[in-house]
Amino acid sequence: MERPAWAPRSIDISVPSVSRMYDFYLGGSHNFEVDRQAARRALEFMPGLPKIMQANRAFMRRAVRFAVEEGITQFLDIGSGIPTFGNVHEVAQGAHPGARVVYVDHDPVAVAHSQAVLEGNDDADVAAADLRKPAEILSSPQVERLLDLNRPVTLLLVAILHFVEDADDPYGAVAELRDALAPGSLLVLTHASYEGIPLPQGRAEGAVDVYRNIRNPLIMRSRDEIARFFEGYDMVEPGLVPMPMWRPDTAPEDEDPYAFSGFVGVGRAA
């Protein structure tokens, strides 16, 4: 398999990556054939996956605009993936020039491509780190340079927590991040769930098995389990809801049925 010029030498291009599969679902070009093969297998079971990803991104953009309207212009996006059109820094800085953004990912392709996209942008940067190690994120040079943790920050955990198994204590990681941020900070979260998927659970499990087989288990938590991530936060209206229901720009009834898969919410730290 030929290695593209943009692919870091350190990565194994024979192993699928969830961030590159996500890029493929969104129509991006920073993915390998092994990623496309895995994504196509998942699509055989759940053909609406691209619609879910598009709804996820649309919610993220609405939440970023909401944060800026609330006067919060610092953003920490963990599990940011490969930049695509309308990413956090574009939305935030478009709404408020000078907004500061730190992306965090542990996929070398995501980090390398983010560095290229952000070149010359003094108010945005990317750190190579893992959600499961919050202290390393918070002490990274990028966070220390760009974010004032004594002022409110918008923490984005978009389509990342469902890739963290319970054994790795995702609730503890989210709580550690919450405790490090100033009162008034926002948590923007999206999470996969069997609830809302317009398919029998048994068929949806076929797509989940694809992720398990590439050693990136997809943890489909219930609404109540997802709500636990917001402990210590006051939920912003309309609460924890399907993606098209959170402060929509267009009529939710016009959305594709797959867009209602999983849950999203925004919380404000007390």
Protein backbone atom coordinates (compact mmCIF):
# COMPACT_ATOMS: atom_id res chain seq x y z
CA MET A 1 0.00 0.00 0.00
CA GLU A 2 1.46 3.33 -1.05
CA ARG A 3 1.84 5.89 1.73
CA PRO A 4 0.37 9.32 0.85
CA ALA A 5 2.66 12.32 1.32
CA TRP A 6 0.42 13.65 4.14
CA ALA A 7 0.62 10.43 6.19
CA PRO A 8 3.19 10.51 9.04
CA ARG A 9 5.81 7.79 8.77
CA SER A 10 5.04 6.66 12.32
CA ILE A 11 1.53 5.34 11.60
CA ASP A 12 0.56 1.84 10.51
CA ILE A 13 -1.56 2.41 7.39
CA SER A 14 -2.72 -1.22 7.42
CA VAL A 15 -4.84 -0.67 10.57
CA PRO A 16 -8.21 1.18 10.38
CA SER A 17 -8.65 4.36 12.41
CA VAL A 18 -12.00 5.65 13.72
CA SER A 19 -11.04 9.26 12.98
CA ARG A 20 -10.17 8.40 9.36
CA MET A 21 -13.39 6.36 9.03
CA TYR A 22 -15.28 9.42 10.30
CA ASP A 23 -13.47 11.49 7.69
CA PHE A 24 -14.62 9.02 5.02
CA TYR A 25 -18.25 9.20 6.17
CA LEU A 26 -18.10 12.98 5.83
CA GLY A 27 -16.67 12.78 2.32
CA GLY A 28 -13.10 13.68 3.28
CA SER A 29 -9.92 12.56 1.54
CA HIS A 30 -7.63 11.85 4.51
CA ASN A 31 -8.35 8.14 4.82
CA PHE A 32 -6.80 4.93 3.52
CA GLU A 33 -8.35 1.97 1.73
CA VAL A 34 -8.27 -0.01 4.98
CA ASP A 35 -10.40 2.72 6.60
CA ARG A 36 -12.81 2.76 3.67
CA GLN A 37 -13.18 -1.02 3.77
CA ALA A 38 -14.06 -0.98 7.47
CA ALA A 39 -16.46 1.94 6.98
CA ARG A 40 -18.21 0.17 4.10
CA ARG A 41 -18.67 -2.92 6.28
CA ALA A 42 -20.31 -0.77 8.96
CA LEU A 43 -22.50 0.88 6.31
CA GLU A 44 -23.83 -2.51 5.25
CA PHE A 45 -25.53 -2.73 8.64
CA MET A 46 -26.23 0.95 9.26
CA PRO A 47 -26.45 2.83 5.94
CA GLY A 48 -27.36 6.09 7.71
CA LEU A 49 -23.96 6.53 9.37
CA PRO A 50 -23.02 9.53 7.18
CA LYS A 51 -26.31 11.22 8.15
CA ILE A 52 -25.49 10.64 11.82
CA MET A 53 -22.04 12.20 11.36
CA GLN A 54 -23.49 15.19 9.50
CA ALA A 55 -26.06 15.79 12.25
CA ASN A 56 -23.30 15.48 14.82
CA ARG A 57 -21.25 18.16 13.09
CA ALA A 58 -24.26 20.43 12.67
CA PHE A 59 -25.01 20.22 16.40
CA MET A 60 -21.36 21.02 17.20
CA ARG A 61 -21.53 24.18 15.11
CA ARG A 62 -24.76 25.30 16.80
CA ALA A 63 -23.24 24.67 20.21
CA VAL A 64 -20.09 26.65 19.38
CA ARG A 65 -22.19 29.60 18.22
CA PHE A 66 -24.22 29.34 21.44
CA ALA A 67 -21.02 29.43 23.51
CA VAL A 68 -19.83 32.58 21.75
CA GLU A 69 -23.24 34.18 22.29
CA GLU A 70 -22.81 33.36 25.99
CA GLY A 71 -19.49 35.22 25.97
CA ILE A 72 -17.24 32.14 26.09
CA THR A 73 -14.47 32.42 23.51
CA GLN A 74 -12.08 29.67 24.64
CA PHE A 75 -12.53 26.15 23.29
CA LEU A 76 -10.93 22.81 24.18
CA ASP A 77 -11.96 20.17 21.63
CA ILE A 78 -10.85 16.69 22.73
CA GLY A 79 -11.06 13.91 20.18
CA SER A 80 -11.23 16.55 17.46
CA GLY A 81 -10.37 14.22 14.58
CA ILE A 82 -9.40 15.29 11.07
CA PRO A 83 -10.45 18.87 10.29
CA THR A 84 -13.27 19.27 7.81
CA PHE A 85 -15.18 22.32 6.59
CA GLY A 86 -16.89 24.20 9.42
CA ASN A 87 -14.58 23.02 12.19
CA VAL A 88 -14.60 24.58 15.67
CA HIS A 89 -12.00 27.27 15.01
CA GLU A 90 -13.74 28.39 11.81
CA VAL A 91 -17.13 28.71 13.53
CA ALA A 92 -15.76 30.28 16.73
CA GLN A 93 -13.39 32.73 15.05
CA GLY A 94 -16.00 33.58 12.45
CA ALA A 95 -18.39 34.53 15.24
CA HIS A 96 -15.72 36.17 17.41
CA PRO A 97 -12.33 37.04 15.87
CA GLY A 98 -9.67 36.19 18.41
CA ALA A 99 -11.50 33.19 19.85
CA ARG A 100 -8.93 30.64 21.01
CA VAL A 101 -9.12 26.93 20.20
CA VAL A 102 -7.03 23.96 21.24
CA TYR A 103 -7.69 20.68 19.46
CA VAL A 104 -6.63 17.40 21.06
CA ASP A 105 -6.33 14.00 19.37
CA HIS A 106 -4.18 10.92 19.65
CA ASP A 107 -4.40 9.96 15.96
CA PRO A 108 -1.15 11.11 14.28
CA VAL A 109 -2.97 11.77 10.98
CA ALA A 110 -5.50 14.00 12.75
CA VAL A 111 -2.72 15.89 14.54
CA ALA A 112 -0.56 16.29 11.41
CA HIS A 113 -3.45 17.48 9.27
CA SER A 114 -4.64 19.87 11.99
CA GLN A 115 -1.17 21.38 12.19
CA ALA A 116 -1.25 21.99 8.44
CA VAL A 117 -4.73 23.53 8.54
CA LEU A 118 -3.86 25.78 11.49
CA GLU A 119 -0.54 27.05 10.17
CA GLY A 120 -0.46 30.82 10.56
CA ASN A 121 -3.44 30.86 12.95
CA ASP A 122 -1.97 32.18 16.19
CA ASP A 123 -5.21 31.61 18.10
CA ALA A 124 -5.55 27.88 17.42
CA ASP A 125 -3.30 24.87 17.92
CA VAL A 126 -3.41 21.09 18.27
CA ALA A 127 -2.01 18.82 20.99
CA ALA A 128 -1.25 15.13 20.66
CA ALA A 129 -2.85 13.65 23.77
CA ASP A 130 -5.51 11.24 25.00
CA LEU A 131 -8.82 11.92 26.76
CA ARG A 132 -8.00 9.15 29.21
CA LYS A 133 -5.11 11.25 30.55
CA PRO A 134 -6.67 14.64 31.38
CA ALA A 135 -3.65 15.91 33.32
CA GLU A 136 -1.46 15.60 30.21
CA ILE A 137 -4.00 17.59 28.19
CA LEU A 138 -4.31 20.34 30.79
CA SER A 139 -0.55 20.71 31.16
CA SER A 140 0.20 20.62 27.43
CA PRO A 141 2.10 23.61 25.99
CA GLN A 142 -0.81 24.32 23.67
CA VAL A 143 -3.34 24.64 26.50
CA GLU A 144 -0.93 26.64 28.64
CA ARG A 145 -0.27 29.05 25.77
CA LEU A 146 -3.78 29.61 24.51
CA LEU A 147 -6.30 28.96 27.28
CA ASP A 148 -6.80 30.81 30.57
CA LEU A 149 -8.30 28.14 32.80
CA ASN A 150 -9.30 30.79 35.32
CA ARG A 151 -11.92 31.94 32.81
CA PRO A 152 -14.77 29.85 31.36
CA VAL A 153 -13.86 27.37 28.63
CA THR A 154 -16.10 25.41 26.30
CA LEU A 155 -15.06 21.76 26.55
CA LEU A 156 -16.12 19.74 23.51
CA LEU A 157 -16.37 15.96 23.78
CA VAL A 158 -18.00 15.31 20.43
CA ALA A 159 -18.33 11.66 19.31
CA ILE A 160 -15.43 10.60 21.53
CA LEU A 161 -16.78 9.18 24.79
CA HIS A 162 -18.43 6.24 23.06
CA PHE A 163 -14.92 5.06 22.17
CA VAL A 164 -13.82 5.01 25.83
CA GLU A 165 -14.64 1.77 27.63
CA ASP A 166 -15.91 1.77 31.21
CA ALA A 167 -12.67 0.07 32.27
CA ASP A 168 -10.84 3.28 31.30
CA ASP A 169 -13.11 5.36 33.57
CA PRO A 170 -14.57 7.91 31.16
CA TYR A 171 -16.70 9.38 33.96
CA GLY A 172 -13.58 10.05 36.02
CA ALA A 173 -11.84 11.72 33.07
CA VAL A 174 -14.80 14.02 32.43
CA ALA A 175 -15.01 14.89 36.12
CA GLU A 176 -11.29 15.69 36.26
CA LEU A 177 -11.64 18.04 33.33
CA ARG A 178 -14.73 19.63 34.88
CA ASP A 179 -12.91 20.28 38.13
CA ALA A 180 -10.01 21.94 36.30
CA LEU A 181 -12.22 24.44 34.47
CA ALA A 182 -13.65 27.70 35.81
CA PRO A 183 -17.28 28.03 36.94
CA GLY A 184 -19.47 28.94 34.00
CA SER A 185 -17.56 26.67 31.63
CA LEU A 186 -19.62 24.64 29.17
CA LEU A 187 -19.56 20.94 28.36
CA VAL A 188 -20.65 20.12 24.79
CA LEU A 189 -21.17 16.39 24.40
CA THR A 190 -22.47 13.92 21.82
CA HIS A 191 -22.75 10.18 22.36
CA ALA A 192 -23.93 7.15 20.40
CA SER A 193 -26.81 5.04 21.70
CA TYR A 194 -29.09 2.32 20.42
CA GLU A 195 -31.93 4.62 21.41
CA GLY A 196 -33.27 6.51 18.41
CA ILE A 197 -31.62 4.43 15.67
CA PRO A 198 -34.28 3.60 13.05
CA LEU A 199 -33.17 -0.03 12.89
CA PRO A 200 -33.68 -3.16 15.00
CA GLN A 201 -30.96 -3.27 17.66
CA GLY A 202 -29.70 -6.58 16.31
CA ARG A 203 -28.91 -5.02 12.94
CA ALA A 204 -27.28 -1.96 14.49
CA GLU A 205 -25.09 -4.32 16.51
CA GLY A 206 -23.56 -5.47 13.23
CA ALA A 207 -22.03 -2.01 12.77
CA VAL A 208 -20.89 -1.99 16.39
CA ASP A 209 -19.16 -5.33 15.79
CA VAL A 210 -17.14 -3.77 12.94
CA TYR A 211 -15.62 -1.31 15.42
CA ARG A 212 -15.01 -4.08 17.94
CA ASN A 213 -13.21 -6.11 15.29
CA ILE A 214 -10.83 -3.22 14.52
CA ARG A 215 -10.09 -2.91 18.26
CA ASN A 216 -11.92 0.37 18.67
CA PRO A 217 -15.04 -0.77 20.54
CA LEU A 218 -18.09 1.46 20.12
CA ILE A 219 -19.82 1.69 23.51
CA MET A 220 -23.54 2.29 23.02
CA ARG A 221 -24.65 3.80 26.33
CA SER A 222 -28.23 4.48 27.41
CA ARG A 223 -29.64 7.97 27.87
CA ASP A 224 -29.31 7.64 31.65
CA GLU A 225 -25.68 6.54 31.34
CA ILE A 226 -24.92 9.47 29.05
CA ALA A 227 -26.64 11.88 31.46
CA ARG A 228 -24.12 10.86 34.16
CA PHE A 229 -21.36 12.68 32.25
CA PHE A 230 -23.15 15.94 33.12
CA GLU A 231 -22.81 15.52 36.90
CA GLY A 232 -21.71 18.89 38.30
CA TYR A 233 -23.25 20.74 35.35
CA ASP A 234 -26.59 22.50 34.97
CA MET A 235 -28.17 21.39 31.71
CA VAL A 236 -28.80 24.10 29.14
CA GLU A 237 -32.27 23.93 27.58
CA PRO A 238 -33.56 21.76 25.95
CA GLY A 239 -31.44 19.27 27.92
CA LEU A 240 -30.15 15.89 26.71
CA VAL A 241 -31.93 15.27 23.41
CA PRO A 242 -31.50 13.75 19.93
CA MET A 243 -29.22 15.87 17.70
CA PRO A 244 -31.87 17.66 15.60
CA MET A 245 -33.80 18.67 18.74
CA TRP A 246 -31.04 20.85 20.25
CA ARG A 247 -31.79 24.47 19.31
CA PRO A 248 -32.38 23.60 15.65
CA ASP A 249 -31.84 25.97 12.74
CA THR A 250 -34.38 24.09 10.65
CA ALA A 251 -37.53 22.07 11.40
CA PRO A 252 -36.50 18.77 13.06
CA GLU A 253 -39.28 16.91 11.24
CA ASP A 254 -37.40 17.59 7.99
CA GLU A 255 -34.34 15.70 9.20
CA ASP A 256 -33.32 12.21 8.11
CA PRO A 257 -34.50 9.57 10.65
CA TYR A 258 -30.88 8.55 11.28
CA ALA A 259 -30.11 12.05 12.58
CA PHE A 260 -32.07 11.19 15.73
CA SER A 261 -29.62 8.43 16.72
CA GLY A 262 -27.92 9.00 20.07
CA PHE A 263 -27.97 12.05 22.31
CA VAL A 264 -26.42 15.49 22.64
CA GLY A 265 -26.41 18.14 25.29
CA VAL A 266 -24.72 21.22 26.72
CA GLY A 267 -24.11 21.74 30.41
CA ARG A 268 -22.86 24.77 32.37
CA ALA A 269 -20.46 24.21 35.26
CA ALA A 270 -21.81 25.47 38.57
